[in-house]
Amino acid sequence: MFRTILKAKIHGATVTQSNVDYIGSITIDPDLLEACDIIANEKVQVVNLETGARLETYVIVGEKGSGIIGMNGGAAYHAKEGEKVLIMSYVLMEMKDAVSFKPKILFVNKNNKVTNKK
């Protein structure tokens, strides 16, 4: 049996841009992606901490060191510039592996720089 387990989370990221006219997805600084093992085109769940809105989309890699968290296309209706979000990635794994698995959790400051990592 496989279980869906949290693989990685970026906690409290600040949306730096919101553009409904851009091709849909979320743009994320590669420094954050590398730190929590999320890759380009990976499916993520985004939760707006201010409104509770939730969506699933895929990752586009942004400019390195920019701190970008960009909500694009339809996703821009779910989180506006300046709002805080959670970005989560999940993985399917067998129960024997799932019970001891530890997700990578990043805490970031208002500039989306890592302040703590679990």
C-alpha atoms as a PDB file:
ATOM      1  CA  MET A   1       0.000   0.000   0.000  1.00  0.00           C
ATOM      2  CA  PHE A   2       1.216   3.498  -0.839  1.00  0.00           C
ATOM      3  CA  ARG A   3       0.617   6.574   1.293  1.00  0.00           C
ATOM      4  CA  THR A   4       0.718  10.226   0.226  1.00  0.00           C
ATOM      5  CA  ILE A   5       3.267  11.914   2.504  1.00  0.00           C
ATOM      6  CA  LEU A   6       4.439  15.519   2.835  1.00  0.00           C
ATOM      7  CA  LYS A   7       7.835  15.690   1.099  1.00  0.00           C
ATOM      8  CA  ALA A   8       8.639  19.393   1.413  1.00  0.00           C
ATOM      9  CA  LYS A   9       7.132  22.663   2.634  1.00  0.00           C
ATOM     10  CA  ILE A  10       8.058  26.318   2.279  1.00  0.00           C
ATOM     11  CA  HIS A  11       6.333  27.929   5.263  1.00  0.00           C
ATOM     12  CA  GLY A  12       5.168  31.540   5.283  1.00  0.00           C
ATOM     13  CA  ALA A  13       6.537  32.640   1.914  1.00  0.00           C
ATOM     14  CA  THR A  14       5.531  36.121   0.758  1.00  0.00           C
ATOM     15  CA  VAL A  15       4.001  36.448  -2.706  1.00  0.00           C
ATOM     16  CA  THR A  16       6.184  38.916  -4.610  1.00  0.00           C
ATOM     17  CA  GLN A  17       4.189  39.063  -7.824  1.00  0.00           C
ATOM     18  CA  SER A  18       0.741  38.149  -9.060  1.00  0.00           C
ATOM     19  CA  ASN A  19       0.040  38.150 -12.797  1.00  0.00           C
ATOM     20  CA  VAL A  20      -3.163  36.706 -14.275  1.00  0.00           C
ATOM     21  CA  ASP A  21      -1.899  37.266 -17.832  1.00  0.00           C
ATOM     22  CA  TYR A  22       1.119  34.980 -17.367  1.00  0.00           C
ATOM     23  CA  ILE A  23       0.998  31.295 -18.288  1.00  0.00           C
ATOM     24  CA  GLY A  24      -0.349  29.537 -15.189  1.00  0.00           C
ATOM     25  CA  SER A  25       1.744  28.133 -12.355  1.00  0.00           C
ATOM     26  CA  ILE A  26       3.927  29.366  -9.499  1.00  0.00           C
ATOM     27  CA  THR A  27       7.398  30.818 -10.013  1.00  0.00           C
ATOM     28  CA  ILE A  28       9.832  30.075  -7.164  1.00  0.00           C
ATOM     29  CA  ASP A  29      13.422  31.176  -6.491  1.00  0.00           C
ATOM     30  CA  PRO A  30      15.703  28.173  -7.201  1.00  0.00           C
ATOM     31  CA  ASP A  31      17.507  28.754  -3.880  1.00  0.00           C
ATOM     32  CA  LEU A  32      14.280  27.743  -2.125  1.00  0.00           C
ATOM     33  CA  LEU A  33      13.648  24.840  -4.489  1.00  0.00           C
ATOM     34  CA  GLU A  34      17.130  23.421  -3.938  1.00  0.00           C
ATOM     35  CA  ALA A  35      16.853  23.794  -0.163  1.00  0.00           C
ATOM     36  CA  CYS A  36      13.694  21.680   0.009  1.00  0.00           C
ATOM     37  CA  ASP A  37      14.172  19.337  -2.979  1.00  0.00           C
ATOM     38  CA  ILE A  38      11.387  20.589  -5.253  1.00  0.00           C
ATOM     39  CA  ILE A  39      12.096  20.596  -8.994  1.00  0.00           C
ATOM     40  CA  ALA A  40      10.789  22.378 -12.099  1.00  0.00           C
ATOM     41  CA  ASN A  41       7.330  21.212 -13.193  1.00  0.00           C
ATOM     42  CA  GLU A  42       6.697  19.421  -9.896  1.00  0.00           C
ATOM     43  CA  LYS A  43       3.112  19.534  -8.661  1.00  0.00           C
ATOM     44  CA  VAL A  44       2.666  21.638  -5.519  1.00  0.00           C
ATOM     45  CA  GLN A  45      -0.211  22.661  -3.303  1.00  0.00           C
ATOM     46  CA  VAL A  46      -0.354  26.342  -2.366  1.00  0.00           C
ATOM     47  CA  VAL A  47      -2.341  27.556   0.652  1.00  0.00           C
ATOM     48  CA  ASN A  48      -2.990  31.264   1.190  1.00  0.00           C
ATOM     49  CA  LEU A  49      -2.495  31.878   4.930  1.00  0.00           C
ATOM     50  CA  GLU A  50      -4.680  34.999   4.841  1.00  0.00           C
ATOM     51  CA  THR A  51      -7.724  33.743   2.939  1.00  0.00           C
ATOM     52  CA  GLY A  52      -7.475  29.963   3.254  1.00  0.00           C
ATOM     53  CA  ALA A  53      -7.618  29.584  -0.546  1.00  0.00           C
ATOM     54  CA  ARG A  54      -5.959  26.382  -1.783  1.00  0.00           C
ATOM     55  CA  LEU A  55      -4.825  25.354  -5.219  1.00  0.00           C
ATOM     56  CA  GLU A  56      -2.639  22.857  -6.993  1.00  0.00           C
ATOM     57  CA  THR A  57      -0.260  23.942  -9.716  1.00  0.00           C
ATOM     58  CA  TYR A  58       3.234  23.238 -11.020  1.00  0.00           C
ATOM     59  CA  VAL A  59       6.578  24.932 -10.406  1.00  0.00           C
ATOM     60  CA  ILE A  60       8.431  27.276 -12.747  1.00  0.00           C
ATOM     61  CA  VAL A  61      11.994  28.106 -11.723  1.00  0.00           C
ATOM     62  CA  GLY A  62      12.558  31.830 -11.186  1.00  0.00           C
ATOM     63  CA  GLU A  63      15.691  33.935 -10.990  1.00  0.00           C
ATOM     64  CA  LYS A  64      18.291  32.657  -8.518  1.00  0.00           C
ATOM     65  CA  GLY A  65      18.574  34.811  -5.396  1.00  0.00           C
ATOM     66  CA  SER A  66      15.536  36.900  -6.297  1.00  0.00           C
ATOM     67  CA  GLY A  67      13.251  35.619  -3.545  1.00  0.00           C
ATOM     68  CA  ILE A  68      10.483  35.384  -6.132  1.00  0.00           C
ATOM     69  CA  ILE A  69       7.206  33.707  -5.296  1.00  0.00           C
ATOM     70  CA  GLY A  70       5.089  34.515  -8.333  1.00  0.00           C
ATOM     71  CA  MET A  71       1.462  33.524  -8.704  1.00  0.00           C
ATOM     72  CA  ASN A  72       0.734  33.171 -12.410  1.00  0.00           C
ATOM     73  CA  GLY A  73      -2.374  32.773 -14.523  1.00  0.00           C
ATOM     74  CA  GLY A  74      -5.399  31.457 -12.627  1.00  0.00           C
ATOM     75  CA  ALA A  75      -3.258  30.978  -9.507  1.00  0.00           C
ATOM     76  CA  ALA A  76      -2.981  34.791  -9.282  1.00  0.00           C
ATOM     77  CA  TYR A  77      -6.660  34.891  -8.249  1.00  0.00           C
ATOM     78  CA  HIS A  78      -5.797  32.828  -5.150  1.00  0.00           C
ATOM     79  CA  ALA A  79      -2.932  34.903  -3.714  1.00  0.00           C
ATOM     80  CA  LYS A  80      -2.010  38.537  -4.225  1.00  0.00           C
ATOM     81  CA  GLU A  81       1.306  40.328  -3.837  1.00  0.00           C
ATOM     82  CA  GLY A  82       2.244  40.657  -0.149  1.00  0.00           C
ATOM     83  CA  GLU A  83       0.125  37.736   1.078  1.00  0.00           C
ATOM     84  CA  LYS A  84       1.713  34.798   2.916  1.00  0.00           C
ATOM     85  CA  VAL A  85       1.480  31.265   1.536  1.00  0.00           C
ATOM     86  CA  LEU A  86       2.479  27.694   2.290  1.00  0.00           C
ATOM     87  CA  ILE A  87       3.916  25.726  -0.634  1.00  0.00           C
ATOM     88  CA  MET A  88       3.819  21.953  -0.202  1.00  0.00           C
ATOM     89  CA  SER A  89       4.968  18.978  -2.225  1.00  0.00           C
ATOM     90  CA  TYR A  90       3.903  15.397  -1.577  1.00  0.00           C
ATOM     91  CA  VAL A  91       5.299  11.992  -2.491  1.00  0.00           C
ATOM     92  CA  LEU A  92       3.832   8.500  -2.702  1.00  0.00           C
ATOM     93  CA  MET A  93       5.741   5.920  -0.696  1.00  0.00           C
ATOM     94  CA  GLU A  94       5.277   2.533   0.823  1.00  0.00           C
ATOM     95  CA  MET A  95       4.137   2.373   4.431  1.00  0.00           C
ATOM     96  CA  LYS A  96       7.455   0.886   5.582  1.00  0.00           C
ATOM     97  CA  ASP A  97       9.264   4.000   4.306  1.00  0.00           C
ATOM     98  CA  ALA A  98       6.557   6.512   5.202  1.00  0.00           C
ATOM     99  CA  VAL A  99       6.641   5.869   8.957  1.00  0.00           C
ATOM    100  CA  SER A 100      10.221   7.131   9.294  1.00  0.00           C
ATOM    101  CA  PHE A 101      10.328   9.712   6.498  1.00  0.00           C
ATOM    102  CA  LYS A 102      11.144  13.311   7.497  1.00  0.00           C
ATOM    103  CA  PRO A 103       9.964  16.091   5.166  1.00  0.00           C
ATOM    104  CA  LYS A 104      12.158  19.097   4.409  1.00  0.00           C
ATOM    105  CA  ILE A 105      10.496  22.158   5.930  1.00  0.00           C
ATOM    106  CA  LEU A 106      11.782  25.661   5.262  1.00  0.00           C
ATOM    107  CA  PHE A 107      10.832  28.737   7.241  1.00  0.00           C
ATOM    108  CA  VAL A 108      11.449  32.000   5.389  1.00  0.00           C
ATOM    109  CA  ASN A 109      11.518  35.699   6.242  1.00  0.00           C
ATOM    110  CA  LYS A 110       9.564  38.476   4.494  1.00  0.00           C
ATOM    111  CA  ASN A 111      12.175  38.481   1.677  1.00  0.00           C
ATOM    112  CA  ASN A 112      11.758  34.718   1.173  1.00  0.00           C
ATOM    113  CA  LYS A 113      15.218  33.896   2.486  1.00  0.00           C
ATOM    114  CA  VAL A 114      15.561  30.731   4.579  1.00  0.00           C
ATOM    115  CA  THR A 115      15.681  31.467   8.316  1.00  0.00           C
ATOM    116  CA  ASN A 116      15.286  27.908   9.602  1.00  0.00           C
ATOM    117  CA  LYS A 117      15.222  24.432   8.103  1.00  0.00           C
ATOM    118  CA  LYS A 118      13.819  21.247   9.636  1.00  0.00           C
END
